[in-house]
Amino acid sequence: CELFEGLDDGQAAHLLALMPSQRLRAGEQLFAQEAPGDAIYLLTEGSISIVDATRTQRYLSLSPGMCFGETAVLDGRGRTAAAVADIDSTVHRLAAADLTDLQRLHPATAAQVYLNLARHLSRRLRDAAAAWQRAAS
Protein backbone atom coordinates (compact mmCIF):
# COMPACT_ATOMS: atom_id res chain seq x y z
CA CYS A 1 0.00 0.00 0.00
CA GLU A 2 1.26 3.45 -0.88
CA LEU A 3 0.66 4.66 2.69
CA PHE A 4 3.58 2.45 3.81
CA GLU A 5 6.00 3.27 0.96
CA GLY A 6 9.48 4.24 2.14
CA LEU A 7 8.94 3.01 5.71
CA ASP A 8 11.37 0.49 7.16
CA ASP A 9 10.00 -2.65 8.82
CA GLY A 10 9.93 -1.08 12.29
CA GLN A 11 8.18 2.07 11.11
CA ALA A 12 5.66 0.04 9.12
CA ALA A 13 4.94 -2.20 12.11
CA HIS A 14 4.45 0.84 14.35
CA LEU A 15 2.06 2.45 11.85
CA LEU A 16 0.09 -0.75 11.41
CA ALA A 17 -0.23 -1.08 15.20
CA LEU A 18 -2.03 2.29 15.17
CA MET A 19 -4.55 1.03 12.62
CA PRO A 20 -7.19 -1.33 14.07
CA SER A 21 -9.27 -3.29 11.58
CA GLN A 22 -12.98 -2.81 11.09
CA ARG A 23 -15.33 -5.19 9.27
CA LEU A 24 -18.15 -3.82 7.14
CA ARG A 25 -21.09 -5.74 5.73
CA ALA A 26 -22.23 -5.21 2.13
CA GLY A 27 -24.20 -1.94 1.97
CA GLU A 28 -22.90 -0.68 5.33
CA GLN A 29 -21.84 2.95 5.44
CA LEU A 30 -18.37 3.64 6.84
CA PHE A 31 -18.84 7.40 7.00
CA ALA A 32 -21.39 9.93 5.81
CA GLN A 33 -20.95 12.93 3.56
CA GLU A 34 -20.15 16.01 5.70
CA ALA A 35 -19.09 13.84 8.67
CA PRO A 36 -15.94 15.03 10.46
CA GLY A 37 -12.65 13.84 9.00
CA ASP A 38 -11.52 11.84 12.00
CA ALA A 39 -9.56 9.06 10.25
CA ILE A 40 -7.81 7.82 7.12
CA TYR A 41 -8.74 4.33 5.97
CA LEU A 42 -6.84 1.56 4.24
CA LEU A 43 -8.96 -1.04 2.45
CA THR A 44 -7.48 -4.52 2.84
CA GLU A 45 -10.39 -6.73 1.75
CA GLY A 46 -13.52 -6.18 -0.32
CA SER A 47 -14.65 -3.08 -2.19
CA ILE A 48 -15.75 0.38 -1.05
CA SER A 49 -17.54 2.98 -3.13
CA ILE A 50 -17.32 6.70 -2.57
CA VAL A 51 -20.82 8.06 -3.24
CA ASP A 52 -22.96 11.16 -2.87
CA ALA A 53 -25.24 11.50 0.15
CA THR A 54 -28.18 9.91 -1.69
CA ARG A 55 -26.04 7.00 -2.96
CA THR A 56 -27.24 7.73 -6.50
CA GLN A 57 -23.87 8.95 -7.81
CA ARG A 58 -20.73 6.83 -7.44
CA TYR A 59 -17.52 8.82 -7.74
CA LEU A 60 -14.96 6.11 -7.14
CA SER A 61 -14.70 2.41 -6.37
CA LEU A 62 -11.79 1.32 -4.20
CA SER A 63 -10.03 -2.04 -4.18
CA PRO A 64 -7.71 -3.60 -1.58
CA GLY A 65 -4.51 -1.68 -1.00
CA MET A 66 -6.09 1.73 -1.55
CA CYS A 67 -6.30 4.41 1.12
CA PHE A 68 -9.05 7.00 1.34
CA GLY A 69 -10.55 9.62 3.64
CA GLU A 70 -7.32 11.63 3.78
CA THR A 71 -8.69 14.88 2.35
CA ALA A 72 -11.01 15.58 5.29
CA VAL A 73 -8.27 14.65 7.78
CA LEU A 74 -5.68 16.90 6.14
CA ASP A 75 -7.88 19.97 5.67
CA GLY A 76 -9.98 19.55 8.82
CA ARG A 77 -13.25 19.93 6.94
CA GLY A 78 -16.12 17.47 6.55
CA ARG A 79 -16.18 14.45 4.26
CA THR A 80 -16.82 15.36 0.63
CA ALA A 81 -18.78 12.16 0.04
CA ALA A 82 -19.95 9.01 1.81
CA ALA A 83 -18.11 5.66 1.87
CA VAL A 84 -20.16 2.48 1.53
CA ALA A 85 -19.09 -1.17 1.38
CA ASP A 86 -20.01 -2.79 -1.93
CA ILE A 87 -19.41 -6.27 -0.48
CA ASP A 88 -18.25 -7.51 2.92
CA SER A 89 -15.02 -5.58 3.45
CA THR A 90 -12.22 -4.89 5.91
CA VAL A 91 -10.62 -1.51 6.48
CA HIS A 92 -7.86 -0.37 8.81
CA ARG A 93 -8.44 2.98 10.51
CA LEU A 94 -5.71 5.54 11.20
CA ALA A 95 -7.29 8.07 13.55
CA ALA A 96 -6.39 11.71 12.96
CA ALA A 97 -5.36 11.97 16.62
CA ASP A 98 -2.95 9.04 16.18
CA LEU A 99 -1.46 10.73 13.12
CA THR A 100 -0.92 13.88 15.17
CA ASP A 101 0.71 11.84 17.96
CA LEU A 102 2.90 10.09 15.39
CA GLN A 103 4.10 13.48 14.17
CA ARG A 104 5.06 14.46 17.72
CA LEU A 105 6.56 11.16 18.87
CA HIS A 106 8.00 9.71 15.63
CA PRO A 107 8.57 12.67 13.28
CA ALA A 108 10.53 10.72 10.64
CA THR A 109 7.75 8.15 10.29
CA ALA A 110 5.11 10.86 10.18
CA ALA A 111 7.07 12.82 7.56
CA GLN A 112 7.15 9.75 5.29
CA VAL A 113 3.43 9.09 5.83
CA TYR A 114 2.60 12.71 4.95
CA LEU A 115 4.84 12.49 1.86
CA ASN A 116 3.03 9.30 0.86
CA LEU A 117 -0.33 11.03 1.30
CA ALA A 118 0.86 13.97 -0.81
CA ARG A 119 1.97 11.62 -3.59
CA HIS A 120 -1.32 9.75 -3.34
CA LEU A 121 -3.31 12.97 -3.70
CA SER A 122 -1.07 14.09 -6.57
CA ARG A 123 -1.80 10.85 -8.44
CA ARG A 124 -5.52 11.32 -7.91
CA LEU A 125 -5.33 14.89 -9.19
CA ARG A 126 -3.38 13.80 -12.28
CA ASP A 127 -5.91 11.02 -12.94
CA ALA A 128 -8.77 13.50 -12.64
CA ALA A 129 -7.03 15.96 -14.98
CA ALA A 130 -6.47 13.20 -17.55
CA ALA A 131 -10.14 12.23 -17.33
CA TRP A 132 -11.20 15.84 -17.86
CA GLN A 133 -8.89 16.11 -20.87
CA ARG A 134 -10.34 12.91 -22.38
CA ALA A 135 -13.87 14.18 -21.81
CA ALA A 136 -13.05 17.50 -23.46
CA SER A 137 -11.61 15.82 -26.58
C-alpha atoms as a PDB file:
ATOM      1  CA  CYS A   1       0.000   0.000   0.000  1.00  0.00           C
ATOM      2  CA  GLU A   2       1.259   3.447  -0.880  1.00  0.00           C
ATOM      3  CA  LEU A   3       0.663   4.655   2.688  1.00  0.00           C
ATOM      4  CA  PHE A   4       3.576   2.446   3.806  1.00  0.00           C
ATOM      5  CA  GLU A   5       5.997   3.273   0.963  1.00  0.00           C
ATOM      6  CA  GLY A   6       9.480   4.237   2.142  1.00  0.00           C
ATOM      7  CA  LEU A   7       8.941   3.008   5.708  1.00  0.00           C
ATOM      8  CA  ASP A   8      11.368   0.491   7.160  1.00  0.00           C
ATOM      9  CA  ASP A   9       9.999  -2.647   8.823  1.00  0.00           C
ATOM     10  CA  GLY A  10       9.930  -1.084  12.293  1.00  0.00           C
ATOM     11  CA  GLN A  11       8.179   2.067  11.110  1.00  0.00           C
ATOM     12  CA  ALA A  12       5.656   0.040   9.116  1.00  0.00           C
ATOM     13  CA  ALA A  13       4.938  -2.202  12.115  1.00  0.00           C
ATOM     14  CA  HIS A  14       4.449   0.837  14.347  1.00  0.00           C
ATOM     15  CA  LEU A  15       2.065   2.453  11.853  1.00  0.00           C
ATOM     16  CA  LEU A  16       0.095  -0.754  11.407  1.00  0.00           C
ATOM     17  CA  ALA A  17      -0.225  -1.084  15.199  1.00  0.00           C
ATOM     18  CA  LEU A  18      -2.026   2.286  15.171  1.00  0.00           C
ATOM     19  CA  MET A  19      -4.554   1.025  12.622  1.00  0.00           C
ATOM     20  CA  PRO A  20      -7.193  -1.330  14.072  1.00  0.00           C
ATOM     21  CA  SER A  21      -9.269  -3.285  11.585  1.00  0.00           C
ATOM     22  CA  GLN A  22     -12.983  -2.814  11.091  1.00  0.00           C
ATOM     23  CA  ARG A  23     -15.326  -5.191   9.270  1.00  0.00           C
ATOM     24  CA  LEU A  24     -18.146  -3.825   7.144  1.00  0.00           C
ATOM     25  CA  ARG A  25     -21.088  -5.739   5.729  1.00  0.00           C
ATOM     26  CA  ALA A  26     -22.232  -5.207   2.134  1.00  0.00           C
ATOM     27  CA  GLY A  27     -24.201  -1.939   1.974  1.00  0.00           C
ATOM     28  CA  GLU A  28     -22.900  -0.677   5.327  1.00  0.00           C
ATOM     29  CA  GLN A  29     -21.838   2.946   5.436  1.00  0.00           C
ATOM     30  CA  LEU A  30     -18.371   3.638   6.839  1.00  0.00           C
ATOM     31  CA  PHE A  31     -18.841   7.401   7.001  1.00  0.00           C
ATOM     32  CA  ALA A  32     -21.393   9.933   5.808  1.00  0.00           C
ATOM     33  CA  GLN A  33     -20.948  12.929   3.560  1.00  0.00           C
ATOM     34  CA  GLU A  34     -20.152  16.007   5.700  1.00  0.00           C
ATOM     35  CA  ALA A  35     -19.087  13.837   8.665  1.00  0.00           C
ATOM     36  CA  PRO A  36     -15.936  15.035  10.460  1.00  0.00           C
ATOM     37  CA  GLY A  37     -12.654  13.836   8.999  1.00  0.00           C
ATOM     38  CA  ASP A  38     -11.518  11.842  11.999  1.00  0.00           C
ATOM     39  CA  ALA A  39      -9.560   9.056  10.245  1.00  0.00           C
ATOM     40  CA  ILE A  40      -7.813   7.818   7.124  1.00  0.00           C
ATOM     41  CA  TYR A  41      -8.735   4.330   5.971  1.00  0.00           C
ATOM     42  CA  LEU A  42      -6.835   1.555   4.243  1.00  0.00           C
ATOM     43  CA  LEU A  43      -8.960  -1.039   2.454  1.00  0.00           C
ATOM     44  CA  THR A  44      -7.481  -4.523   2.840  1.00  0.00           C
ATOM     45  CA  GLU A  45     -10.391  -6.728   1.753  1.00  0.00           C
ATOM     46  CA  GLY A  46     -13.520  -6.182  -0.324  1.00  0.00           C
ATOM     47  CA  SER A  47     -14.651  -3.083  -2.186  1.00  0.00           C
ATOM     48  CA  ILE A  48     -15.747   0.377  -1.054  1.00  0.00           C
ATOM     49  CA  SER A  49     -17.544   2.984  -3.130  1.00  0.00           C
ATOM     50  CA  ILE A  50     -17.323   6.705  -2.570  1.00  0.00           C
ATOM     51  CA  VAL A  51     -20.819   8.059  -3.243  1.00  0.00           C
ATOM     52  CA  ASP A  52     -22.957  11.156  -2.873  1.00  0.00           C
ATOM     53  CA  ALA A  53     -25.245  11.500   0.147  1.00  0.00           C
ATOM     54  CA  THR A  54     -28.180   9.911  -1.695  1.00  0.00           C
ATOM     55  CA  ARG A  55     -26.045   6.998  -2.963  1.00  0.00           C
ATOM     56  CA  THR A  56     -27.242   7.728  -6.504  1.00  0.00           C
ATOM     57  CA  GLN A  57     -23.872   8.947  -7.810  1.00  0.00           C
ATOM     58  CA  ARG A  58     -20.729   6.826  -7.436  1.00  0.00           C
ATOM     59  CA  TYR A  59     -17.515   8.822  -7.736  1.00  0.00           C
ATOM     60  CA  LEU A  60     -14.960   6.112  -7.141  1.00  0.00           C
ATOM     61  CA  SER A  61     -14.702   2.411  -6.374  1.00  0.00           C
ATOM     62  CA  LEU A  62     -11.793   1.315  -4.203  1.00  0.00           C
ATOM     63  CA  SER A  63     -10.033  -2.036  -4.175  1.00  0.00           C
ATOM     64  CA  PRO A  64      -7.710  -3.605  -1.584  1.00  0.00           C
ATOM     65  CA  GLY A  65      -4.507  -1.676  -0.995  1.00  0.00           C
ATOM     66  CA  MET A  66      -6.088   1.733  -1.551  1.00  0.00           C
ATOM     67  CA  CYS A  67      -6.300   4.409   1.123  1.00  0.00           C
ATOM     68  CA  PHE A  68      -9.051   6.996   1.344  1.00  0.00           C
ATOM     69  CA  GLY A  69     -10.547   9.621   3.637  1.00  0.00           C
ATOM     70  CA  GLU A  70      -7.316  11.630   3.778  1.00  0.00           C
ATOM     71  CA  THR A  71      -8.690  14.877   2.349  1.00  0.00           C
ATOM     72  CA  ALA A  72     -11.005  15.583   5.295  1.00  0.00           C
ATOM     73  CA  VAL A  73      -8.268  14.647   7.775  1.00  0.00           C
ATOM     74  CA  LEU A  74      -5.684  16.896   6.138  1.00  0.00           C
ATOM     75  CA  ASP A  75      -7.878  19.966   5.665  1.00  0.00           C
ATOM     76  CA  GLY A  76      -9.982  19.552   8.815  1.00  0.00           C
ATOM     77  CA  ARG A  77     -13.253  19.927   6.943  1.00  0.00           C
ATOM     78  CA  GLY A  78     -16.120  17.466   6.547  1.00  0.00           C
ATOM     79  CA  ARG A  79     -16.184  14.454   4.261  1.00  0.00           C
ATOM     80  CA  THR A  80     -16.822  15.364   0.630  1.00  0.00           C
ATOM     81  CA  ALA A  81     -18.780  12.159   0.044  1.00  0.00           C
ATOM     82  CA  ALA A  82     -19.946   9.008   1.814  1.00  0.00           C
ATOM     83  CA  ALA A  83     -18.111   5.658   1.866  1.00  0.00           C
ATOM     84  CA  VAL A  84     -20.164   2.479   1.529  1.00  0.00           C
ATOM     85  CA  ALA A  85     -19.089  -1.172   1.378  1.00  0.00           C
ATOM     86  CA  ASP A  86     -20.012  -2.792  -1.934  1.00  0.00           C
ATOM     87  CA  ILE A  87     -19.414  -6.272  -0.480  1.00  0.00           C
ATOM     88  CA  ASP A  88     -18.245  -7.514   2.919  1.00  0.00           C
ATOM     89  CA  SER A  89     -15.018  -5.579   3.452  1.00  0.00           C
ATOM     90  CA  THR A  90     -12.222  -4.888   5.912  1.00  0.00           C
ATOM     91  CA  VAL A  91     -10.618  -1.507   6.476  1.00  0.00           C
ATOM     92  CA  HIS A  92      -7.858  -0.369   8.810  1.00  0.00           C
ATOM     93  CA  ARG A  93      -8.444   2.980  10.506  1.00  0.00           C
ATOM     94  CA  LEU A  94      -5.714   5.542  11.198  1.00  0.00           C
ATOM     95  CA  ALA A  95      -7.287   8.072  13.551  1.00  0.00           C
ATOM     96  CA  ALA A  96      -6.387  11.712  12.964  1.00  0.00           C
ATOM     97  CA  ALA A  97      -5.363  11.974  16.622  1.00  0.00           C
ATOM     98  CA  ASP A  98      -2.953   9.039  16.180  1.00  0.00           C
ATOM     99  CA  LEU A  99      -1.461  10.725  13.117  1.00  0.00           C
ATOM    100  CA  THR A 100      -0.925  13.881  15.173  1.00  0.00           C
ATOM    101  CA  ASP A 101       0.713  11.839  17.963  1.00  0.00           C
ATOM    102  CA  LEU A 102       2.896  10.089  15.386  1.00  0.00           C
ATOM    103  CA  GLN A 103       4.103  13.478  14.174  1.00  0.00           C
ATOM    104  CA  ARG A 104       5.057  14.462  17.720  1.00  0.00           C
ATOM    105  CA  LEU A 105       6.564  11.156  18.868  1.00  0.00           C
ATOM    106  CA  HIS A 106       7.996   9.710  15.626  1.00  0.00           C
ATOM    107  CA  PRO A 107       8.570  12.666  13.281  1.00  0.00           C
ATOM    108  CA  ALA A 108      10.533  10.719  10.641  1.00  0.00           C
ATOM    109  CA  THR A 109       7.755   8.149  10.290  1.00  0.00           C
ATOM    110  CA  ALA A 110       5.106  10.864  10.185  1.00  0.00           C
ATOM    111  CA  ALA A 111       7.066  12.818   7.560  1.00  0.00           C
ATOM    112  CA  GLN A 112       7.150   9.749   5.292  1.00  0.00           C
ATOM    113  CA  VAL A 113       3.429   9.095   5.833  1.00  0.00           C
ATOM    114  CA  TYR A 114       2.596  12.705   4.946  1.00  0.00           C
ATOM    115  CA  LEU A 115       4.839  12.488   1.861  1.00  0.00           C
ATOM    116  CA  ASN A 116       3.032   9.300   0.855  1.00  0.00           C
ATOM    117  CA  LEU A 117      -0.327  11.034   1.297  1.00  0.00           C
ATOM    118  CA  ALA A 118       0.860  13.973  -0.814  1.00  0.00           C
ATOM    119  CA  ARG A 119       1.971  11.619  -3.588  1.00  0.00           C
ATOM    120  CA  HIS A 120      -1.318   9.745  -3.338  1.00  0.00           C
ATOM    121  CA  LEU A 121      -3.309  12.971  -3.700  1.00  0.00           C
ATOM    122  CA  SER A 122      -1.074  14.094  -6.566  1.00  0.00           C
ATOM    123  CA  ARG A 123      -1.796  10.855  -8.444  1.00  0.00           C
ATOM    124  CA  ARG A 124      -5.521  11.317  -7.906  1.00  0.00           C
ATOM    125  CA  LEU A 125      -5.328  14.889  -9.191  1.00  0.00           C
ATOM    126  CA  ARG A 126      -3.378  13.795 -12.276  1.00  0.00           C
ATOM    127  CA  ASP A 127      -5.905  11.018 -12.943  1.00  0.00           C
ATOM    128  CA  ALA A 128      -8.767  13.503 -12.642  1.00  0.00           C
ATOM    129  CA  ALA A 129      -7.026  15.963 -14.983  1.00  0.00           C
ATOM    130  CA  ALA A 130      -6.473  13.197 -17.547  1.00  0.00           C
ATOM    131  CA  ALA A 131     -10.144  12.227 -17.329  1.00  0.00           C
ATOM    132  CA  TRP A 132     -11.199  15.843 -17.860  1.00  0.00           C
ATOM    133  CA  GLN A 133      -8.889  16.109 -20.873  1.00  0.00           C
ATOM    134  CA  ARG A 134     -10.336  12.914 -22.385  1.00  0.00           C
ATOM    135  CA  ALA A 135     -13.869  14.177 -21.810  1.00  0.00           C
ATOM    136  CA  ALA A 136     -13.050  17.497 -23.462  1.00  0.00           C
ATOM    137  CA  SER A 137     -11.614  15.819 -26.575  1.00  0.00           C
END
